[in-house]
């Protein structure tokens, strides 16, 4: 079984790597210093298991795991954590693999045997428990590879049948996530303007009427305007006044 070790602290990463190499049936295939590097290495190394720290800069372990969960054949994820027994009870409730730091050989071997992919519901629960600050990136699939799109660069999310279009600084990509989930996760920075569209408040340039009197939102850095439904017009105006 191929294992990828992810931790921003060099001593912790080296200890995990050494323990994996000493464990029969498991082979260390790489090390990463943060969630972004982990996602890149998963693409190239195709590990069976990822041992991943939670608190890391830029992209933390839970966000990285959420992106991995969207792969067709995701690796199993085992979180490593320094939290106390009360937080570990929350991990048990979500049935997500974890190892308490400092990592002991017996604990690692047991976790490796029981390793399984966390579900989206489990990861959402961990995020809600305060272990994660929420995603800073959206993950789009490009064939068999992933593209990370910074949320701060997103102009809008628009649903189209089973996919959602993400318009951002470098173009438009498709993701397979429900618009209602995106609205719940990013509602502080985005506003719903239509049943099929969310726009980033920071990029709203103006709200105008077309020749037929229908409301449209014009976004900075976006060539097209988006329709505003009557149902969502008042909420849009309210949110813009609060800026």
C-alpha atoms as a PDB file:
ATOM      1  CA  UNK A   1       0.000   0.000   0.000  1.00  0.00           C
ATOM      2  CA  UNK A   2       1.400   3.383  -1.023  1.00  0.00           C
ATOM      3  CA  UNK A   3       1.350   6.124   1.644  1.00  0.00           C
ATOM      4  CA  UNK A   4       1.725   9.910   1.350  1.00  0.00           C
ATOM      5  CA  UNK A   5       2.680  11.856   4.496  1.00  0.00           C
ATOM      6  CA  UNK A   6       1.489  15.472   4.865  1.00  0.00           C
ATOM      7  CA  UNK A   7       2.556  17.806   7.699  1.00  0.00           C
ATOM      8  CA  UNK A   8       3.874  21.367   7.782  1.00  0.00           C
ATOM      9  CA  UNK A   9       6.252  20.548  10.647  1.00  0.00           C
ATOM     10  CA  UNK A  10       9.412  18.811   9.496  1.00  0.00           C
ATOM     11  CA  UNK A  11      10.025  16.706  12.665  1.00  0.00           C
ATOM     12  CA  UNK A  12       6.467  15.345  12.639  1.00  0.00           C
ATOM     13  CA  UNK A  13       6.687  14.606   8.923  1.00  0.00           C
ATOM     14  CA  UNK A  14      10.027  12.812   9.322  1.00  0.00           C
ATOM     15  CA  UNK A  15       8.735  10.701  12.207  1.00  0.00           C
ATOM     16  CA  UNK A  16       5.656   9.607  10.284  1.00  0.00           C
ATOM     17  CA  UNK A  17       7.735   8.828   7.212  1.00  0.00           C
ATOM     18  CA  UNK A  18      10.139   6.687   9.245  1.00  0.00           C
ATOM     19  CA  UNK A  19       7.303   4.763  10.906  1.00  0.00           C
ATOM     20  CA  UNK A  20       5.618   4.077   7.581  1.00  0.00           C
ATOM     21  CA  UNK A  21       8.850   2.755   6.096  1.00  0.00           C
ATOM     22  CA  UNK A  22       9.226   0.402   9.068  1.00  0.00           C
ATOM     23  CA  UNK A  23       5.673  -0.965   8.737  1.00  0.00           C
ATOM     24  CA  UNK A  24       5.272  -4.161   6.708  1.00  0.00           C
ATOM     25  CA  UNK A  25       2.936  -3.909   3.752  1.00  0.00           C
ATOM     26  CA  UNK A  26       3.158  -0.111   3.426  1.00  0.00           C
ATOM     27  CA  UNK A  27       5.514   1.986   1.304  1.00  0.00           C
ATOM     28  CA  UNK A  28       6.234   5.701   1.643  1.00  0.00           C
ATOM     29  CA  UNK A  29       5.857   7.325  -1.789  1.00  0.00           C
ATOM     30  CA  UNK A  30       6.144  11.000  -0.877  1.00  0.00           C
ATOM     31  CA  UNK A  31       5.978  13.854   1.637  1.00  0.00           C
ATOM     32  CA  UNK A  32       4.113  17.153   1.436  1.00  0.00           C
ATOM     33  CA  UNK A  33       4.355  20.311   3.548  1.00  0.00           C
ATOM     34  CA  UNK A  34       0.772  21.536   3.139  1.00  0.00           C
ATOM     35  CA  UNK A  35      -2.597  20.738   1.619  1.00  0.00           C
ATOM     36  CA  UNK A  36      -1.839  22.307  -1.763  1.00  0.00           C
ATOM     37  CA  UNK A  37       1.338  20.277  -2.224  1.00  0.00           C
ATOM     38  CA  UNK A  38      -0.535  17.172  -1.049  1.00  0.00           C
ATOM     39  CA  UNK A  39      -3.156  17.581  -3.795  1.00  0.00           C
ATOM     40  CA  UNK A  40      -0.430  17.940  -6.423  1.00  0.00           C
ATOM     41  CA  UNK A  41       1.363  14.814  -5.214  1.00  0.00           C
ATOM     42  CA  UNK A  42      -1.829  12.767  -5.062  1.00  0.00           C
ATOM     43  CA  UNK A  43      -2.292  13.504  -8.769  1.00  0.00           C
ATOM     44  CA  UNK A  44       1.200  12.297  -9.648  1.00  0.00           C
ATOM     45  CA  UNK A  45       1.846   9.552  -7.059  1.00  0.00           C
ATOM     46  CA  UNK A  46      -1.640   7.986  -6.726  1.00  0.00           C
ATOM     47  CA  UNK A  47      -1.241   6.916  -3.059  1.00  0.00           C
ATOM     48  CA  UNK A  48      -3.624   4.449  -1.414  1.00  0.00           C
ATOM     49  CA  UNK A  49      -3.500   6.275   1.939  1.00  0.00           C
ATOM     50  CA  UNK A  50      -2.778   9.882   2.947  1.00  0.00           C
ATOM     51  CA  UNK A  51      -1.580  10.596   6.500  1.00  0.00           C
ATOM     52  CA  UNK A  52      -2.459  14.276   6.927  1.00  0.00           C
ATOM     53  CA  UNK A  53      -2.095  16.922   9.599  1.00  0.00           C
ATOM     54  CA  UNK A  54      -5.130  19.146  10.207  1.00  0.00           C
ATOM     55  CA  UNK A  55      -3.745  22.587  11.046  1.00  0.00           C
ATOM     56  CA  UNK A  56      -1.615  23.713   8.096  1.00  0.00           C
ATOM     57  CA  UNK A  57      -1.172  27.080   6.348  1.00  0.00           C
ATOM     58  CA  UNK A  58      -3.218  28.100   3.287  1.00  0.00           C
ATOM     59  CA  UNK A  59      -5.021  24.783   2.687  1.00  0.00           C
ATOM     60  CA  UNK A  60      -5.579  22.763   5.857  1.00  0.00           C
ATOM     61  CA  UNK A  61      -6.029  19.012   6.107  1.00  0.00           C
ATOM     62  CA  UNK A  62      -9.811  18.981   6.149  1.00  0.00           C
ATOM     63  CA  UNK A  63     -10.086  21.218   3.084  1.00  0.00           C
ATOM     64  CA  UNK A  64      -7.554  19.057   1.240  1.00  0.00           C
ATOM     65  CA  UNK A  65      -9.518  15.931   2.197  1.00  0.00           C
ATOM     66  CA  UNK A  66     -12.733  17.488   0.888  1.00  0.00           C
ATOM     67  CA  UNK A  67     -11.049  18.041  -2.468  1.00  0.00           C
ATOM     68  CA  UNK A  68      -9.695  14.484  -2.492  1.00  0.00           C
ATOM     69  CA  UNK A  69     -13.168  13.121  -1.780  1.00  0.00           C
ATOM     70  CA  UNK A  70     -14.251  14.368  -5.220  1.00  0.00           C
ATOM     71  CA  UNK A  71     -11.780  12.125  -7.045  1.00  0.00           C
ATOM     72  CA  UNK A  72     -13.136   9.100  -8.889  1.00  0.00           C
ATOM     73  CA  UNK A  73     -10.831   6.859  -6.857  1.00  0.00           C
ATOM     74  CA  UNK A  74      -9.796   8.864  -3.786  1.00  0.00           C
ATOM     75  CA  UNK A  75      -7.161   7.658  -1.345  1.00  0.00           C
ATOM     76  CA  UNK A  76      -8.054   6.781   2.226  1.00  0.00           C
ATOM     77  CA  UNK A  77      -7.372   9.699   4.607  1.00  0.00           C
ATOM     78  CA  UNK A  78      -6.052   9.469   8.162  1.00  0.00           C
ATOM     79  CA  UNK A  79      -5.875  12.752  10.054  1.00  0.00           C
ATOM     80  CA  UNK A  80      -3.109  13.408  12.548  1.00  0.00           C
ATOM     81  CA  UNK A  81      -3.939  15.733  15.426  1.00  0.00           C
ATOM     82  CA  UNK A  82      -2.597  17.069  18.723  1.00  0.00           C
ATOM     83  CA  UNK A  83      -6.055  17.723  20.208  1.00  0.00           C
ATOM     84  CA  UNK A  84      -7.271  16.374  23.535  1.00  0.00           C
ATOM     85  CA  UNK A  85      -9.726  13.576  24.293  1.00  0.00           C
ATOM     86  CA  UNK A  86     -12.802  15.792  24.041  1.00  0.00           C
ATOM     87  CA  UNK A  87     -12.035  16.757  20.457  1.00  0.00           C
ATOM     88  CA  UNK A  88     -11.205  13.135  19.680  1.00  0.00           C
ATOM     89  CA  UNK A  89     -14.715  12.172  20.740  1.00  0.00           C
ATOM     90  CA  UNK A  90     -15.965  14.366  17.901  1.00  0.00           C
ATOM     91  CA  UNK A  91     -13.665  12.541  15.491  1.00  0.00           C
ATOM     92  CA  UNK A  92     -15.065   9.215  16.708  1.00  0.00           C
ATOM     93  CA  UNK A  93     -18.605  10.455  16.148  1.00  0.00           C
ATOM     94  CA  UNK A  94     -17.765  11.203  12.516  1.00  0.00           C
ATOM     95  CA  UNK A  95     -15.908   7.854  12.174  1.00  0.00           C
ATOM     96  CA  UNK A  96     -12.952   9.593  10.523  1.00  0.00           C
ATOM     97  CA  UNK A  97      -9.513   8.023  10.955  1.00  0.00           C
ATOM     98  CA  UNK A  98      -7.128   9.923  13.185  1.00  0.00           C
ATOM     99  CA  UNK A  99      -3.878   9.481  15.070  1.00  0.00           C
ATOM    100  CA  UNK A 100      -3.046  11.443  18.184  1.00  0.00           C
ATOM    101  CA  UNK A 101       0.362  13.130  18.201  1.00  0.00           C
ATOM    102  CA  UNK A 102       3.014  12.146  19.075  1.00  0.00           C
ATOM    103  CA  UNK A 103       2.364   9.178  16.818  1.00  0.00           C
ATOM    104  CA  UNK A 104       3.050   5.726  18.284  1.00  0.00           C
ATOM    105  CA  UNK A 105       3.856   2.695  16.133  1.00  0.00           C
ATOM    106  CA  UNK A 106       0.921   0.618  17.381  1.00  0.00           C
ATOM    107  CA  UNK A 107      -1.546   3.437  16.831  1.00  0.00           C
ATOM    108  CA  UNK A 108      -0.256   4.007  13.309  1.00  0.00           C
ATOM    109  CA  UNK A 109      -0.481   0.324  12.370  1.00  0.00           C
ATOM    110  CA  UNK A 110      -4.036   0.127  13.694  1.00  0.00           C
ATOM    111  CA  UNK A 111      -5.093   3.293  11.821  1.00  0.00           C
ATOM    112  CA  UNK A 112      -3.533   2.059   8.581  1.00  0.00           C
ATOM    113  CA  UNK A 113      -5.459  -1.216   8.808  1.00  0.00           C
ATOM    114  CA  UNK A 114      -8.750   0.616   9.377  1.00  0.00           C
ATOM    115  CA  UNK A 115      -8.136   3.397   6.874  1.00  0.00           C
ATOM    116  CA  UNK A 116     -11.153   4.424   4.836  1.00  0.00           C
ATOM    117  CA  UNK A 117     -12.188   7.448   2.831  1.00  0.00           C
ATOM    118  CA  UNK A 118     -14.115  10.031   4.882  1.00  0.00           C
ATOM    119  CA  UNK A 119     -17.511  10.842   3.409  1.00  0.00           C
ATOM    120  CA  UNK A 120     -18.567  14.369   2.461  1.00  0.00           C
ATOM    121  CA  UNK A 121     -20.969  14.346   5.418  1.00  0.00           C
ATOM    122  CA  UNK A 122     -18.162  13.452   7.839  1.00  0.00           C
ATOM    123  CA  UNK A 123     -15.901  16.169   6.450  1.00  0.00           C
ATOM    124  CA  UNK A 124     -18.701  18.706   6.619  1.00  0.00           C
ATOM    125  CA  UNK A 125     -19.240  17.707  10.247  1.00  0.00           C
ATOM    126  CA  UNK A 126     -15.583  18.182  11.082  1.00  0.00           C
ATOM    127  CA  UNK A 127     -15.612  21.598   9.450  1.00  0.00           C
ATOM    128  CA  UNK A 128     -18.702  22.563  11.451  1.00  0.00           C
ATOM    129  CA  UNK A 129     -17.053  21.396  14.673  1.00  0.00           C
ATOM    130  CA  UNK A 130     -14.431  24.138  14.306  1.00  0.00           C
ATOM    131  CA  UNK A 131     -11.526  22.024  13.073  1.00  0.00           C
ATOM    132  CA  UNK A 132     -11.485  23.880   9.763  1.00  0.00           C
ATOM    133  CA  UNK A 133     -11.971  27.522   8.823  1.00  0.00           C
ATOM    134  CA  UNK A 134     -13.803  26.543   5.636  1.00  0.00           C
ATOM    135  CA  UNK A 135     -12.509  26.146   2.121  1.00  0.00           C
ATOM    136  CA  UNK A 136     -10.350  28.814   0.594  1.00  0.00           C
ATOM    137  CA  UNK A 137     -10.391  27.058  -2.786  1.00  0.00           C
ATOM    138  CA  UNK A 138     -12.852  25.349  -5.105  1.00  0.00           C
ATOM    139  CA  UNK A 139     -11.679  22.171  -6.808  1.00  0.00           C
ATOM    140  CA  UNK A 140     -12.535  21.640 -10.480  1.00  0.00           C
ATOM    141  CA  UNK A 141     -11.795  18.463 -12.393  1.00  0.00           C
ATOM    142  CA  UNK A 142      -9.842  18.694 -15.652  1.00  0.00           C
ATOM    143  CA  UNK A 143      -9.798  15.161 -16.977  1.00  0.00           C
ATOM    144  CA  UNK A 144      -7.879  13.154 -14.383  1.00  0.00           C
ATOM    145  CA  UNK A 145      -6.357  16.249 -12.750  1.00  0.00           C
ATOM    146  CA  UNK A 146      -7.553  18.856 -10.284  1.00  0.00           C
ATOM    147  CA  UNK A 147      -7.542  22.646 -10.596  1.00  0.00           C
ATOM    148  CA  UNK A 148      -7.733  24.724  -7.429  1.00  0.00           C
ATOM    149  CA  UNK A 149      -9.638  27.980  -7.843  1.00  0.00           C
ATOM    150  CA  UNK A 150      -9.226  30.522  -5.008  1.00  0.00           C
ATOM    151  CA  UNK A 151     -12.662  31.456  -3.689  1.00  0.00           C
ATOM    152  CA  UNK A 152     -11.591  35.105  -3.608  1.00  0.00           C
ATOM    153  CA  UNK A 153     -11.195  34.978  -7.421  1.00  0.00           C
ATOM    154  CA  UNK A 154     -14.686  33.586  -8.083  1.00  0.00           C
ATOM    155  CA  UNK A 155     -17.153  35.998  -9.717  1.00  0.00           C
ATOM    156  CA  UNK A 156     -20.166  33.714  -9.691  1.00  0.00           C
ATOM    157  CA  UNK A 157     -21.502  30.165  -9.384  1.00  0.00           C
ATOM    158  CA  UNK A 158     -24.266  29.260 -11.836  1.00  0.00           C
ATOM    159  CA  UNK A 159     -26.162  25.976 -11.946  1.00  0.00           C
ATOM    160  CA  UNK A 160     -26.728  24.336 -15.315  1.00  0.00           C
ATOM    161  CA  UNK A 161     -28.460  20.944 -15.137  1.00  0.00           C
ATOM    162  CA  UNK A 162     -26.222  18.611 -13.067  1.00  0.00           C
ATOM    163  CA  UNK A 163     -23.134  20.848 -13.033  1.00  0.00           C
ATOM    164  CA  UNK A 164     -22.255  24.282 -11.694  1.00  0.00           C
ATOM    165  CA  UNK A 165     -20.210  26.773 -13.701  1.00  0.00           C
ATOM    166  CA  UNK A 166     -17.557  28.674 -11.764  1.00  0.00           C
ATOM    167  CA  UNK A 167     -16.557  31.990 -13.347  1.00  0.00           C
ATOM    168  CA  UNK A 168     -13.211  33.187 -12.000  1.00  0.00           C
ATOM    169  CA  UNK A 169     -10.205  35.325 -12.879  1.00  0.00           C
ATOM    170  CA  UNK A 170      -8.854  32.844 -15.434  1.00  0.00           C
ATOM    171  CA  UNK A 171     -12.006  31.572 -17.110  1.00  0.00           C
ATOM    172  CA  UNK A 172     -14.893  29.231 -16.409  1.00  0.00           C
ATOM    173  CA  UNK A 173     -14.743  25.688 -15.018  1.00  0.00           C
ATOM    174  CA  UNK A 174     -17.380  23.108 -14.139  1.00  0.00           C
ATOM    175  CA  UNK A 175     -17.776  21.517 -10.718  1.00  0.00           C
ATOM    176  CA  UNK A 176     -20.081  18.812  -9.419  1.00  0.00           C
ATOM    177  CA  UNK A 177     -21.394  20.460  -6.243  1.00  0.00           C
ATOM    178  CA  UNK A 178     -24.989  21.498  -5.436  1.00  0.00           C
ATOM    179  CA  UNK A 179     -25.582  25.235  -5.579  1.00  0.00           C
ATOM    180  CA  UNK A 180     -27.466  25.091  -2.276  1.00  0.00           C
ATOM    181  CA  UNK A 181     -24.365  23.678  -0.558  1.00  0.00           C
ATOM    182  CA  UNK A 182     -22.193  26.423  -2.028  1.00  0.00           C
ATOM    183  CA  UNK A 183     -24.715  29.021  -0.856  1.00  0.00           C
ATOM    184  CA  UNK A 184     -24.625  27.619   2.673  1.00  0.00           C
ATOM    185  CA  UNK A 185     -20.826  27.477   2.770  1.00  0.00           C
ATOM    186  CA  UNK A 186     -20.017  30.836   1.176  1.00  0.00           C
ATOM    187  CA  UNK A 187     -23.119  32.831   2.078  1.00  0.00           C
ATOM    188  CA  UNK A 188     -21.109  35.462   3.929  1.00  0.00           C
ATOM    189  CA  UNK A 189     -19.366  36.606   0.743  1.00  0.00           C
ATOM    190  CA  UNK A 190     -21.869  35.609  -1.953  1.00  0.00           C
ATOM    191  CA  UNK A 191     -25.517  36.463  -2.519  1.00  0.00           C
ATOM    192  CA  UNK A 192     -28.163  34.512  -4.367  1.00  0.00           C
ATOM    193  CA  UNK A 193     -29.635  36.528  -7.229  1.00  0.00           C
ATOM    194  CA  UNK A 194     -31.576  33.728  -8.909  1.00  0.00           C
ATOM    195  CA  UNK A 195     -32.474  30.127  -8.132  1.00  0.00           C
ATOM    196  CA  UNK A 196     -29.559  29.135 -10.365  1.00  0.00           C
ATOM    197  CA  UNK A 197     -26.944  31.777  -9.511  1.00  0.00           C
ATOM    198  CA  UNK A 198     -24.732  33.096  -6.701  1.00  0.00           C
ATOM    199  CA  UNK A 199     -22.568  36.174  -7.202  1.00  0.00           C
ATOM    200  CA  UNK A 200     -19.599  37.456  -5.233  1.00  0.00           C
ATOM    201  CA  UNK A 201     -20.521  40.669  -3.442  1.00  0.00           C
ATOM    202  CA  UNK A 202     -16.978  41.988  -3.755  1.00  0.00           C
ATOM    203  CA  UNK A 203     -17.230  41.972  -7.564  1.00  0.00           C
ATOM    204  CA  UNK A 204     -20.670  43.559  -7.989  1.00  0.00           C
ATOM    205  CA  UNK A 205     -20.141  46.670 -10.120  1.00  0.00           C
ATOM    206  CA  UNK A 206     -23.765  47.695 -10.579  1.00  0.00           C
ATOM    207  CA  UNK A 207     -27.379  46.573 -10.687  1.00  0.00           C
ATOM    208  CA  UNK A 208     -29.134  47.765 -13.829  1.00  0.00           C
ATOM    209  CA  UNK A 209     -32.316  47.246 -15.844  1.00  0.00           C
ATOM    210  CA  UNK A 210     -32.262  46.029 -19.412  1.00  0.00           C
ATOM    211  CA  UNK A 211     -34.448  47.368 -22.241  1.00  0.00           C
ATOM    212  CA  UNK A 212     -37.344  45.240 -21.007  1.00  0.00           C
ATOM    213  CA  UNK A 213     -37.061  46.459 -17.419  1.00  0.00           C
ATOM    214  CA  UNK A 214     -35.509  43.285 -16.007  1.00  0.00           C
ATOM    215  CA  UNK A 215     -32.816  43.557 -13.332  1.00  0.00           C
ATOM    216  CA  UNK A 216     -29.284  42.525 -14.199  1.00  0.00           C
ATOM    217  CA  UNK A 217     -26.093  42.354 -12.140  1.00  0.00           C
ATOM    218  CA  UNK A 218     -22.887  43.617 -13.739  1.00  0.00           C
ATOM    219  CA  UNK A 219     -19.702  42.162 -12.258  1.00  0.00           C
ATOM    220  CA  UNK A 220     -16.163  43.513 -12.386  1.00  0.00           C
ATOM    221  CA  UNK A 221     -13.950  41.248 -14.465  1.00  0.00           C
ATOM    222  CA  UNK A 222     -16.897  39.495 -16.097  1.00  0.00           C
ATOM    223  CA  UNK A 223     -18.073  40.053 -19.683  1.00  0.00           C
ATOM    224  CA  UNK A 224     -21.657  38.949 -19.130  1.00  0.00           C
ATOM    225  CA  UNK A 225     -24.422  40.306 -16.900  1.00  0.00           C
ATOM    226  CA  UNK A 226     -26.598  37.976 -14.836  1.00  0.00           C
ATOM    227  CA  UNK A 227     -30.373  38.072 -14.406  1.00  0.00           C
ATOM    228  CA  UNK A 228     -31.838  38.913 -10.985  1.00  0.00           C
ATOM    229  CA  UNK A 229     -35.146  37.252 -10.127  1.00  0.00           C
ATOM    230  CA  UNK A 230     -37.924  39.190  -8.393  1.00  0.00           C
ATOM    231  CA  UNK A 231     -37.734  36.807  -5.470  1.00  0.00           C
ATOM    232  CA  UNK A 232     -34.081  37.650  -4.768  1.00  0.00           C
ATOM    233  CA  UNK A 233     -33.994  41.342  -5.735  1.00  0.00           C
ATOM    234  CA  UNK A 234     -34.735  42.726  -2.252  1.00  0.00           C
ATOM    235  CA  UNK A 235     -32.120  40.531  -0.590  1.00  0.00           C
ATOM    236  CA  UNK A 236     -29.537  41.606  -3.163  1.00  0.00           C
ATOM    237  CA  UNK A 237     -30.244  45.291  -2.465  1.00  0.00           C
ATOM    238  CA  UNK A 238     -30.062  44.699   1.291  1.00  0.00           C
ATOM    239  CA  UNK A 239     -26.740  42.903   1.096  1.00  0.00           C
ATOM    240  CA  UNK A 240     -25.233  45.578  -1.120  1.00  0.00           C
ATOM    241  CA  UNK A 241     -26.293  48.320   1.326  1.00  0.00           C
ATOM    242  CA  UNK A 242     -24.517  46.431   4.132  1.00  0.00           C
ATOM    243  CA  UNK A 243     -21.164  46.559   2.332  1.00  0.00           C
END
